[in-house]
């Protein structure tokens, strides 16, 4: 999955992943919060776009991210 556009990158630049609420192997439902990102003093929650299993976390805690960056691999339910 890619980092959704949750903040104005042109105004605030990259964000930092501050917390992961899930770990590899966890089952998630669409809409569950995966992680928290801090972008220029604004904290946003990143929801899962699908239901499935977190296969791999690509950006660790304290990693810099921008909208569109790959952050995790989620295998959708039924795949």
C-alpha atoms as a PDB file:
ATOM      1  CA  UNK A   1       0.000   0.000   0.000  1.00  0.00           C
ATOM      2  CA  UNK A   2       1.098   3.550  -0.616  1.00  0.00           C
ATOM      3  CA  UNK A   3       0.961   6.485   1.776  1.00  0.00           C
ATOM      4  CA  UNK A   4      -2.340   8.220   1.014  1.00  0.00           C
ATOM      5  CA  UNK A   5      -2.438  11.976   0.484  1.00  0.00           C
ATOM      6  CA  UNK A   6      -3.451  12.992   4.002  1.00  0.00           C
ATOM      7  CA  UNK A   7      -1.583  16.322   4.124  1.00  0.00           C
ATOM      8  CA  UNK A   8      -0.418  19.006   1.711  1.00  0.00           C
ATOM      9  CA  UNK A   9       3.067  17.789   0.771  1.00  0.00           C
ATOM     10  CA  UNK A  10       3.848  21.020  -1.122  1.00  0.00           C
ATOM     11  CA  UNK A  11       3.135  23.094   1.982  1.00  0.00           C
ATOM     12  CA  UNK A  12       4.458  20.790   4.720  1.00  0.00           C
ATOM     13  CA  UNK A  13       6.971  18.451   3.094  1.00  0.00           C
ATOM     14  CA  UNK A  14       7.613  14.901   4.238  1.00  0.00           C
ATOM     15  CA  UNK A  15       6.057  13.349   7.301  1.00  0.00           C
ATOM     16  CA  UNK A  16       7.562  10.983   9.855  1.00  0.00           C
ATOM     17  CA  UNK A  17       6.035   7.667  10.883  1.00  0.00           C
ATOM     18  CA  UNK A  18       5.799   7.951  14.670  1.00  0.00           C
ATOM     19  CA  UNK A  19       3.834   4.803  15.592  1.00  0.00           C
ATOM     20  CA  UNK A  20       2.944   1.520  13.929  1.00  0.00           C
ATOM     21  CA  UNK A  21      -0.235   0.044  15.415  1.00  0.00           C
ATOM     22  CA  UNK A  22       0.217  -3.254  13.546  1.00  0.00           C
ATOM     23  CA  UNK A  23       3.044  -5.689  12.967  1.00  0.00           C
ATOM     24  CA  UNK A  24       3.792  -8.135  10.190  1.00  0.00           C
ATOM     25  CA  UNK A  25       1.330 -11.035  10.287  1.00  0.00           C
ATOM     26  CA  UNK A  26      -1.509  -9.008  11.827  1.00  0.00           C
ATOM     27  CA  UNK A  27      -4.992  -9.209  10.318  1.00  0.00           C
ATOM     28  CA  UNK A  28      -6.532  -5.809   9.549  1.00  0.00           C
ATOM     29  CA  UNK A  29      -9.930  -4.639   8.410  1.00  0.00           C
ATOM     30  CA  UNK A  30     -10.505  -1.879   5.898  1.00  0.00           C
ATOM     31  CA  UNK A  31     -10.394   1.393   7.842  1.00  0.00           C
ATOM     32  CA  UNK A  32      -8.283   0.073  10.752  1.00  0.00           C
ATOM     33  CA  UNK A  33      -5.477   2.466  11.674  1.00  0.00           C
ATOM     34  CA  UNK A  34      -2.113   1.113  10.547  1.00  0.00           C
ATOM     35  CA  UNK A  35       0.220   3.872  11.675  1.00  0.00           C
ATOM     36  CA  UNK A  36       0.481   7.496  12.755  1.00  0.00           C
ATOM     37  CA  UNK A  37       2.380  10.153  10.803  1.00  0.00           C
ATOM     38  CA  UNK A  38       3.578  13.554  12.006  1.00  0.00           C
ATOM     39  CA  UNK A  39       3.769  16.197   9.265  1.00  0.00           C
ATOM     40  CA  UNK A  40       4.672  19.734  10.326  1.00  0.00           C
ATOM     41  CA  UNK A  41       3.087  19.515  13.798  1.00  0.00           C
ATOM     42  CA  UNK A  42      -0.027  17.785  12.424  1.00  0.00           C
ATOM     43  CA  UNK A  43      -0.615  14.162  13.400  1.00  0.00           C
ATOM     44  CA  UNK A  44      -2.623  11.973  11.020  1.00  0.00           C
ATOM     45  CA  UNK A  45      -3.771   8.364  11.277  1.00  0.00           C
ATOM     46  CA  UNK A  46      -3.230   6.172   8.219  1.00  0.00           C
ATOM     47  CA  UNK A  47      -6.126   3.728   7.648  1.00  0.00           C
ATOM     48  CA  UNK A  48      -5.890   0.416   5.850  1.00  0.00           C
ATOM     49  CA  UNK A  49      -7.396   0.649   2.364  1.00  0.00           C
ATOM     50  CA  UNK A  50      -8.306  -3.067   2.405  1.00  0.00           C
ATOM     51  CA  UNK A  51      -9.008  -6.009   4.715  1.00  0.00           C
ATOM     52  CA  UNK A  52      -6.260  -8.620   4.847  1.00  0.00           C
ATOM     53  CA  UNK A  53      -2.917  -9.562   6.408  1.00  0.00           C
ATOM     54  CA  UNK A  54       0.054  -7.227   6.863  1.00  0.00           C
ATOM     55  CA  UNK A  55       2.802  -9.085   5.004  1.00  0.00           C
ATOM     56  CA  UNK A  56       5.630  -6.570   5.242  1.00  0.00           C
ATOM     57  CA  UNK A  57       6.228  -3.137   6.752  1.00  0.00           C
ATOM     58  CA  UNK A  58       8.387  -1.193   4.308  1.00  0.00           C
ATOM     59  CA  UNK A  59       8.909   2.045   6.258  1.00  0.00           C
ATOM     60  CA  UNK A  60       9.925   1.657   9.888  1.00  0.00           C
ATOM     61  CA  UNK A  61       9.170   3.977  12.806  1.00  0.00           C
ATOM     62  CA  UNK A  62      10.929   7.366  12.411  1.00  0.00           C
ATOM     63  CA  UNK A  63      11.121   6.922   8.613  1.00  0.00           C
ATOM     64  CA  UNK A  64      10.422   9.938   6.416  1.00  0.00           C
ATOM     65  CA  UNK A  65       7.470   9.485   4.039  1.00  0.00           C
ATOM     66  CA  UNK A  66       5.662  11.446   1.370  1.00  0.00           C
ATOM     67  CA  UNK A  67       2.229  10.800  -0.150  1.00  0.00           C
ATOM     68  CA  UNK A  68       2.576   7.992  -2.687  1.00  0.00           C
ATOM     69  CA  UNK A  69       5.543   6.287  -0.969  1.00  0.00           C
ATOM     70  CA  UNK A  70       5.129   2.521  -0.455  1.00  0.00           C
ATOM     71  CA  UNK A  71       4.839   1.886   3.293  1.00  0.00           C
ATOM     72  CA  UNK A  72       3.495  -1.667   3.690  1.00  0.00           C
ATOM     73  CA  UNK A  73       2.416  -4.777   1.828  1.00  0.00           C
ATOM     74  CA  UNK A  74      -1.054  -6.048   2.670  1.00  0.00           C
ATOM     75  CA  UNK A  75      -2.363  -9.289   1.213  1.00  0.00           C
ATOM     76  CA  UNK A  76      -6.069  -8.786   0.667  1.00  0.00           C
ATOM     77  CA  UNK A  77      -8.462 -11.314   2.139  1.00  0.00           C
ATOM     78  CA  UNK A  78      -9.159 -14.019  -0.425  1.00  0.00           C
ATOM     79  CA  UNK A  79      -5.881 -13.647  -2.341  1.00  0.00           C
END
